[in-house]
Protein backbone atom coordinates (compact mmCIF):
# COMPACT_ATOMS: atom_id res chain seq x y z
CA MET A 1 70.83 121.70 77.34
CA GLY A 2 68.77 118.37 75.53
CA ALA A 3 69.82 115.15 74.87
CA LYS A 4 71.27 116.42 71.25
CA VAL A 5 74.02 117.97 72.75
CA THR A 6 77.17 117.76 70.23
CA ILE A 7 80.96 118.56 70.57
CA LYS A 8 80.38 121.87 69.20
CA ASP A 9 77.96 122.69 72.33
CA VAL A 10 81.01 121.36 74.22
CA ALA A 11 83.50 123.24 72.55
CA GLU A 12 81.95 126.62 73.11
CA LEU A 13 81.32 125.64 76.41
CA ALA A 14 84.20 125.65 77.37
CA GLY A 15 85.87 127.68 75.24
CA VAL A 16 87.99 125.90 72.67
CA SER A 17 87.73 124.60 69.52
CA LYS A 18 86.35 120.90 68.25
CA SER A 19 89.37 119.06 67.37
CA THR A 20 90.37 119.99 71.41
CA VAL A 21 87.18 118.05 72.69
CA SER A 22 87.40 115.20 70.15
CA ARG A 23 91.55 114.74 71.43
CA TYR A 24 89.93 115.04 74.97
CA LEU A 25 87.37 111.77 73.88
CA ASN A 26 90.11 110.01 72.37
CA HIS A 27 92.96 110.27 74.88
CA GLY A 28 95.03 112.65 72.79
CA TYR A 29 97.15 115.37 74.12
CA ILE A 30 95.77 118.47 75.23
CA SER A 31 96.85 120.50 78.56
CA LEU A 32 95.97 120.33 81.84
CA GLU A 33 94.13 123.13 82.15
CA LYS A 34 91.66 122.35 78.67
CA GLN A 35 91.43 119.33 80.44
CA LYS A 36 89.56 120.45 83.00
CA ARG A 37 87.97 123.20 81.15
CA VAL A 38 86.23 120.24 78.44
CA ARG A 39 85.81 117.59 81.59
CA GLU A 40 83.54 120.76 83.62
CA ALA A 41 81.44 121.29 80.10
CA ILE A 42 80.64 117.49 79.39
CA GLU A 43 79.48 117.37 82.69
CA LYS A 44 76.99 120.47 82.57
CA THR A 45 75.81 119.27 79.36
CA GLY A 46 75.59 115.91 80.52
CA PHE A 47 77.52 114.89 76.85
CA LYS A 48 77.90 111.69 75.02
CA SER A 49 80.16 111.01 72.82
CA ASN A 50 78.96 108.37 70.39
CA PHE A 51 80.76 105.88 71.52
CA PHE A 52 79.33 105.93 75.06
CA ALA A 53 75.82 106.38 73.54
CA LYS A 54 76.55 102.86 72.18
CA ARG A 55 77.63 101.57 75.65
CA LEU A 56 75.02 102.88 77.13
CA LYS A 57 72.49 101.07 74.86
CA THR A 58 74.13 97.94 75.03
CA GLN A 59 75.35 97.91 78.38
CA GLU A 60 78.96 96.75 77.30
CA SER A 61 81.87 98.17 75.02
CA LYS A 62 83.50 94.39 75.17
CA LEU A 63 86.70 96.62 75.79
CA VAL A 64 88.54 96.97 79.41
CA GLY A 65 91.28 99.33 80.09
CA ILE A 66 94.63 97.63 81.53
CA VAL A 67 96.98 100.07 83.22
CA LEU A 68 100.64 98.58 83.59
CA PRO A 69 103.61 100.58 85.51
CA ARG A 70 106.28 99.78 83.04
CA MET A 71 106.41 97.41 79.67
CA ASP A 72 110.15 96.31 80.16
CA SER A 73 109.65 93.91 82.86
CA VAL A 74 109.39 90.27 82.78
CA THR A 75 106.79 89.94 85.34
CA VAL A 76 104.16 92.02 83.51
CA GLY A 77 104.86 90.54 80.39
CA LYS A 78 103.88 86.96 82.23
CA LEU A 79 101.06 88.98 83.79
CA LEU A 80 99.88 90.58 80.46
CA SER A 81 99.99 86.68 79.68
CA GLY A 82 97.72 85.54 82.19
CA ILE A 83 95.50 88.44 81.58
CA ASN A 84 94.88 87.80 77.99
CA ARG A 85 94.18 83.97 78.37
CA ILE A 86 90.78 84.81 80.28
CA PHE A 87 89.88 87.98 78.44
CA ASP A 88 90.42 86.73 74.74
CA PRO A 89 88.15 83.85 75.01
CA ALA A 90 85.23 86.22 76.85
CA GLY A 91 85.86 88.63 73.75
CA TYR A 92 87.48 91.32 75.67
CA GLN A 93 89.89 93.18 74.01
CA GLY A 94 92.36 95.41 75.93
CA ILE A 95 93.29 99.23 76.05
CA LEU A 96 96.86 99.49 77.39
CA LEU A 97 98.37 102.54 79.01
CA VAL A 98 101.49 102.56 81.16
CA SER A 99 102.18 104.55 84.28
CA HIS A 100 105.79 104.55 84.26
CA LEU A 101 106.16 103.88 87.92
CA SER A 102 104.29 106.99 88.43
CA ILE A 103 101.24 106.60 90.75
CA GLU A 104 100.22 110.25 89.53
CA LYS A 105 100.45 108.80 85.90
CA GLU A 106 98.60 105.81 87.22
CA LEU A 107 95.53 107.69 88.56
CA GLU A 108 95.34 109.73 85.53
CA ASN A 109 95.41 106.68 83.35
CA ILE A 110 92.09 105.35 85.33
CA GLN A 111 90.53 108.36 84.96
CA ASN A 112 91.59 108.55 80.94
CA LEU A 113 90.19 104.99 80.21
CA GLN A 114 86.82 105.80 82.38
CA GLN A 115 86.08 108.71 79.92
CA GLN A 116 86.80 106.18 77.04
CA GLY A 117 83.70 104.17 78.05
CA VAL A 118 85.34 100.80 78.93
CA ASP A 119 83.72 98.44 80.62
CA GLY A 120 86.22 97.73 83.51
CA ILE A 121 89.88 98.43 84.30
CA LEU A 122 92.57 95.91 85.67
CA VAL A 123 95.01 98.05 87.21
CA ASP A 124 98.93 96.61 88.35
CA SER A 125 99.37 99.15 90.69
CA VAL A 126 102.51 101.16 91.51
CA GLY A 127 100.61 102.26 95.26
CA LEU A 128 97.28 102.10 96.16
CA THR A 129 96.25 105.96 97.95
CA ASP A 130 93.09 107.22 99.11
CA ARG A 131 92.49 108.81 95.77
CA HIS A 132 92.79 105.22 94.26
CA ILE A 133 90.27 104.47 96.75
CA LYS A 134 87.99 107.57 95.79
CA ILE A 135 87.86 106.78 92.19
CA ALA A 136 87.22 103.05 92.59
CA LYS A 137 84.06 103.72 94.92
CA SER A 138 82.88 106.62 92.99
CA THR A 139 82.12 105.03 89.30
CA PRO A 140 80.25 102.46 88.15
CA VAL A 141 83.22 101.32 85.93
CA PRO A 142 84.58 98.48 88.66
CA ILE A 143 88.83 98.67 89.09
CA VAL A 144 90.53 95.45 90.14
CA TYR A 145 93.81 96.14 91.43
CA THR A 146 96.49 93.96 91.32
CA GLY A 147 100.21 94.15 93.01
CA GLN A 148 98.88 96.15 95.80
CA TRP A 149 96.03 95.36 98.14
CA ASN A 150 93.53 97.06 100.08
CA GLU A 151 90.31 95.71 101.73
CA ALA A 152 88.28 98.92 100.82
CA VAL A 153 88.65 98.02 97.06
CA PRO A 154 88.82 94.47 94.63
CA SER A 155 92.34 93.69 94.58
CA ILE A 156 94.27 90.37 94.29
CA LYS A 157 98.34 90.38 94.80
CA ILE A 158 100.81 87.98 96.19
CA ASP A 159 101.75 87.30 99.90
CA ASP A 160 104.78 89.26 99.88
CA TRP A 161 105.14 89.24 103.39
CA ALA A 162 105.50 85.16 103.42
CA ALA A 163 107.62 85.62 100.63
CA GLY A 164 109.95 87.80 102.74
CA ARG A 165 109.58 85.12 105.49
CA MET A 166 110.91 82.50 103.10
CA VAL A 167 114.08 84.09 102.20
CA GLY A 168 114.64 84.85 105.94
CA ALA A 169 114.27 81.66 107.54
CA TYR A 170 116.32 79.79 104.80
CA LEU A 171 119.08 82.33 105.50
CA ARG A 172 118.95 82.17 109.05
CA GLN A 173 119.03 78.10 108.78
CA MET A 174 122.31 78.97 106.20
CA GLY A 175 124.02 80.82 109.09
CA HIS A 176 123.90 83.93 107.92
CA ARG A 177 123.64 87.05 110.40
CA HIS A 178 124.62 90.16 108.55
CA ALA A 179 122.53 90.80 105.47
CA VAL A 180 121.69 93.91 103.21
CA PHE A 181 118.13 94.29 101.94
CA ALA A 182 118.53 96.16 98.40
CA GLY A 183 114.82 97.26 97.92
CA VAL A 184 112.73 100.28 97.05
CA THR A 185 110.63 102.88 98.29
CA PRO A 186 107.84 102.19 100.84
CA THR A 187 105.79 104.30 98.43
CA ASP A 188 105.10 100.57 96.62
CA LYS A 189 104.06 99.16 99.91
CA ALA A 190 104.07 95.31 98.41
CA VAL A 191 107.29 95.13 97.56
CA GLY A 192 109.00 98.22 99.76
CA ILE A 193 107.69 97.05 103.20
CA GLU A 194 105.75 93.80 103.04
CA ARG A 195 108.76 91.85 101.38
CA LYS A 196 111.22 93.28 103.66
CA GLN A 197 109.59 93.20 106.67
CA GLY A 198 108.52 89.64 106.48
CA PHE A 199 112.49 89.21 105.66
CA ILE A 200 113.55 90.92 108.89
CA GLU A 201 111.60 89.38 110.61
CA ALA A 202 112.10 85.73 110.31
CA PHE A 203 115.93 86.84 109.40
CA CYS A 204 116.30 88.25 113.07
CA GLU A 205 113.46 86.53 114.76
CA GLU A 206 115.12 85.82 118.86
CA ARG A 207 118.33 86.19 116.71
CA PRO A 208 120.19 89.45 118.86
CA GLU A 209 123.57 89.00 116.60
CA ALA A 210 121.44 89.38 113.61
CA HIS A 211 121.51 92.69 111.60
CA VAL A 212 119.87 93.92 108.35
CA ASP A 213 121.11 97.05 106.60
CA PHE A 214 118.52 98.37 104.39
CA ILE A 215 119.94 100.08 100.66
CA GLU A 216 117.46 101.68 98.68
CA THR A 217 117.36 100.77 94.49
CA GLY A 218 115.09 101.35 91.65
CA PHE A 219 113.35 98.46 90.18
CA ASP A 220 115.82 98.29 87.44
CA PHE A 221 118.98 96.43 87.05
CA LEU A 222 121.00 99.47 86.41
CA SER A 223 120.09 101.30 89.51
CA ALA A 224 120.77 98.04 91.60
CA TYR A 225 124.12 97.87 89.99
CA ASN A 226 124.98 101.44 90.54
CA LYS A 227 124.70 100.47 94.68
CA GLY A 228 127.33 97.55 94.40
CA ALA A 229 129.85 99.95 96.41
CA ALA A 230 127.67 101.05 98.64
CA ILE A 231 126.41 97.43 99.35
CA LEU A 232 129.96 96.11 99.91
CA GLU A 233 130.87 99.25 102.15
CA LEU A 234 128.34 97.56 104.85
CA ALA A 235 130.50 94.42 104.48
CA PRO A 236 127.36 91.49 104.63
CA THR A 237 127.61 87.68 103.82
CA VAL A 238 124.86 88.03 101.79
CA VAL A 239 122.24 90.30 99.88
CA VAL A 240 118.86 89.90 99.86
CA GLY A 241 117.27 91.92 96.72
CA ALA A 242 113.91 92.79 96.66
CA THR A 243 113.40 91.43 93.07
CA ASP A 244 115.59 89.12 91.09
CA ASN A 245 116.51 92.19 88.56
CA ILE A 246 117.73 93.92 91.74
CA SER A 247 119.95 91.05 92.59
CA LEU A 248 121.00 90.15 89.02
CA GLY A 249 122.36 93.89 88.66
CA VAL A 250 124.55 93.40 92.40
CA LEU A 251 125.66 89.92 90.59
CA ARG A 252 126.94 91.71 87.97
CA TYR A 253 128.83 94.34 89.92
CA LEU A 254 130.39 91.51 92.16
CA HIS A 255 131.81 89.68 89.20
CA GLU A 256 133.07 92.78 87.66
CA ARG A 257 135.23 93.22 90.58
CA GLY A 258 136.48 89.33 90.63
CA ILE A 259 134.47 88.69 94.31
CA ARG A 260 132.90 85.67 93.98
CA VAL A 261 129.64 84.50 94.54
CA PRO A 262 128.79 82.54 97.41
CA GLU A 263 132.14 81.84 98.32
CA GLN A 264 132.59 85.03 99.74
CA ILE A 265 129.71 86.95 99.17
CA SER A 266 125.62 85.27 98.94
CA VAL A 267 122.90 86.67 96.70
CA VAL A 268 119.03 86.13 96.93
CA GLY A 269 116.06 87.41 95.07
CA PHE A 270 112.69 87.16 94.41
CA GLY A 271 110.49 86.49 91.37
CA GLY A 272 111.62 83.47 89.60
CA TYR A 273 112.61 84.82 86.37
CA ASP A 274 113.70 82.58 83.59
CA VAL A 275 117.23 83.95 83.41
CA GLY A 276 117.77 83.86 87.00
CA ALA A 277 118.70 80.27 86.12
CA VAL A 278 120.92 80.57 83.67
CA VAL A 279 123.27 83.09 85.13
CA TYR A 280 126.35 81.96 87.28
CA PRO A 281 125.70 81.11 89.85
CA ALA A 282 122.25 80.04 89.43
CA LEU A 283 120.08 82.48 91.58
CA THR A 284 118.27 81.21 94.64
CA THR A 285 115.21 82.80 95.03
CA VAL A 286 110.90 82.96 95.16
CA ALA A 287 109.35 82.12 91.79
CA PHE A 288 106.11 83.49 91.84
CA ASP A 289 103.00 82.77 89.28
CA TYR A 290 102.61 86.36 87.71
CA GLU A 291 100.92 84.71 84.72
CA LEU A 292 97.95 82.88 87.30
CA LEU A 293 97.87 86.40 89.07
CA GLY A 294 96.79 88.01 85.91
CA MET A 295 94.39 84.96 85.53
CA LYS A 296 92.99 85.51 88.56
CA ALA A 297 92.81 89.20 88.27
CA ALA A 298 90.84 89.14 84.47
CA GLN A 299 88.20 86.83 86.21
CA TYR A 300 88.06 88.61 88.99
CA LEU A 301 86.69 91.86 86.75
CA LEU A 302 84.86 89.78 84.76
CA ASP A 303 83.32 88.03 87.96
CA LEU A 304 82.15 91.81 88.80
CA LEU A 305 80.83 92.48 85.35
CA ALA A 306 78.41 90.29 85.23
CA HIS A 307 77.43 90.30 88.72
CA ARG A 308 78.52 86.58 89.91
CA GLU A 309 79.81 85.83 92.82
CA VAL A 310 83.85 86.67 93.36
CA GLU A 311 86.11 83.59 93.90
CA GLU A 312 86.99 83.33 97.75
CA ASN A 313 89.97 81.03 97.14
CA MET A 314 92.59 84.22 95.79
CA THR A 315 95.61 82.75 97.58
CA LEU A 316 98.25 82.74 95.20
CA PRO A 317 101.38 80.12 95.26
CA LEU A 318 105.16 80.62 96.06
CA PHE A 319 107.82 78.23 95.56
CA PHE A 320 111.23 78.56 97.21
CA VAL A 321 114.17 78.06 94.15
CA GLU A 322 117.47 76.89 96.01
CA ARG A 323 120.47 77.33 93.68
CA GLU A 324 123.71 78.00 94.02
CA SER A 325 123.77 81.96 95.05
CA VAL A 326 123.79 80.85 98.69
CA ARG A 327 126.76 79.60 100.84
CA ASN A 328 126.02 77.52 104.02
CA LEU A 329 128.04 79.53 107.20
CA THR A 330 126.92 76.59 109.77
CA ALA A 331 129.41 75.27 112.11
CA LYS A 332 130.42 72.44 109.44
CA TYR A 333 131.84 75.14 106.87
CA GLU A 334 134.46 77.27 106.77
CA THR A 335 133.95 80.39 106.93
CA LYS A 336 135.75 83.82 106.00
CA ALA A 337 135.77 87.04 107.10
CA PRO A 338 133.39 89.25 105.28
CA ALA A 339 135.62 92.14 104.71
CA SER A 340 137.89 90.08 102.50
CA TYR A 341 136.34 90.52 99.67
CA LEU A 342 136.45 94.63 100.19
CA GLU A 343 139.74 94.07 99.60
CA LEU A 344 139.54 93.43 96.02
CA THR A 345 137.50 96.33 95.17
């Protein structure tokens, strides 16, 4: 077919209605089977919607796609604030899609944004897979990933391994020998693997008596709270939550059972959420500058769009915040048997 292909032509070839093709182009709901047929028909006909045609003519739509893992998160809010601080002055508007912590949904969102003709896509990724890399390499639309890192694609993240080591070294200095690391699945390489590995390495280094148990939880407060009993059964002197949210869930569980923090058990987190400063006791944590991460990621994408040289220094600062939730167990302090708090449950 020639250049004047219409929605009707695509609909007839795909065996669907014109409204189905229109919904597909506008990111409306149609079944996966119909999505496949419409996509194949568009590829065969070379059809471009008016929006795509405008983009081809002007070389830009001034729209960027933003894929987030969730919306009910302090970190995502700060990340989005940083992104907007860069995109707004540059005249870019964002199309926001949420993956609900699903890798499959994340990939689907990326593909949907590509179909909508955005200039670029920024993805706060749940976990980078070979399919993410294949998509990034097979499209002219630049994609920048945050939260995870892979040298094969444009990506930027905090140093989760270094953050883990910060906490491990601190607890080692405070005399702790038995920790429970409450963390997420290894599907999330950054938080589920690197952060945990950094902690274990620094905590156990050249200390055969040191031991770390692992309890799997979700990112949310409630799932961490629900693992409270399993954590206490292991009788650690300290619980390390892979995020502040996890640590706050554990803290709540301990409070409800009259277990004193840090006198009977210590708690540490990662993230530096504001709420960690107002709970009692205030939460010791490693603070990350998520707003700066958003700004750097957005600038990275704009540099790719403008074919400018990308900033080489992508290092993001880590701040160790010592508050009140960790007890010092070194020799000059009296220590109690960690099993004592089990009697309170």
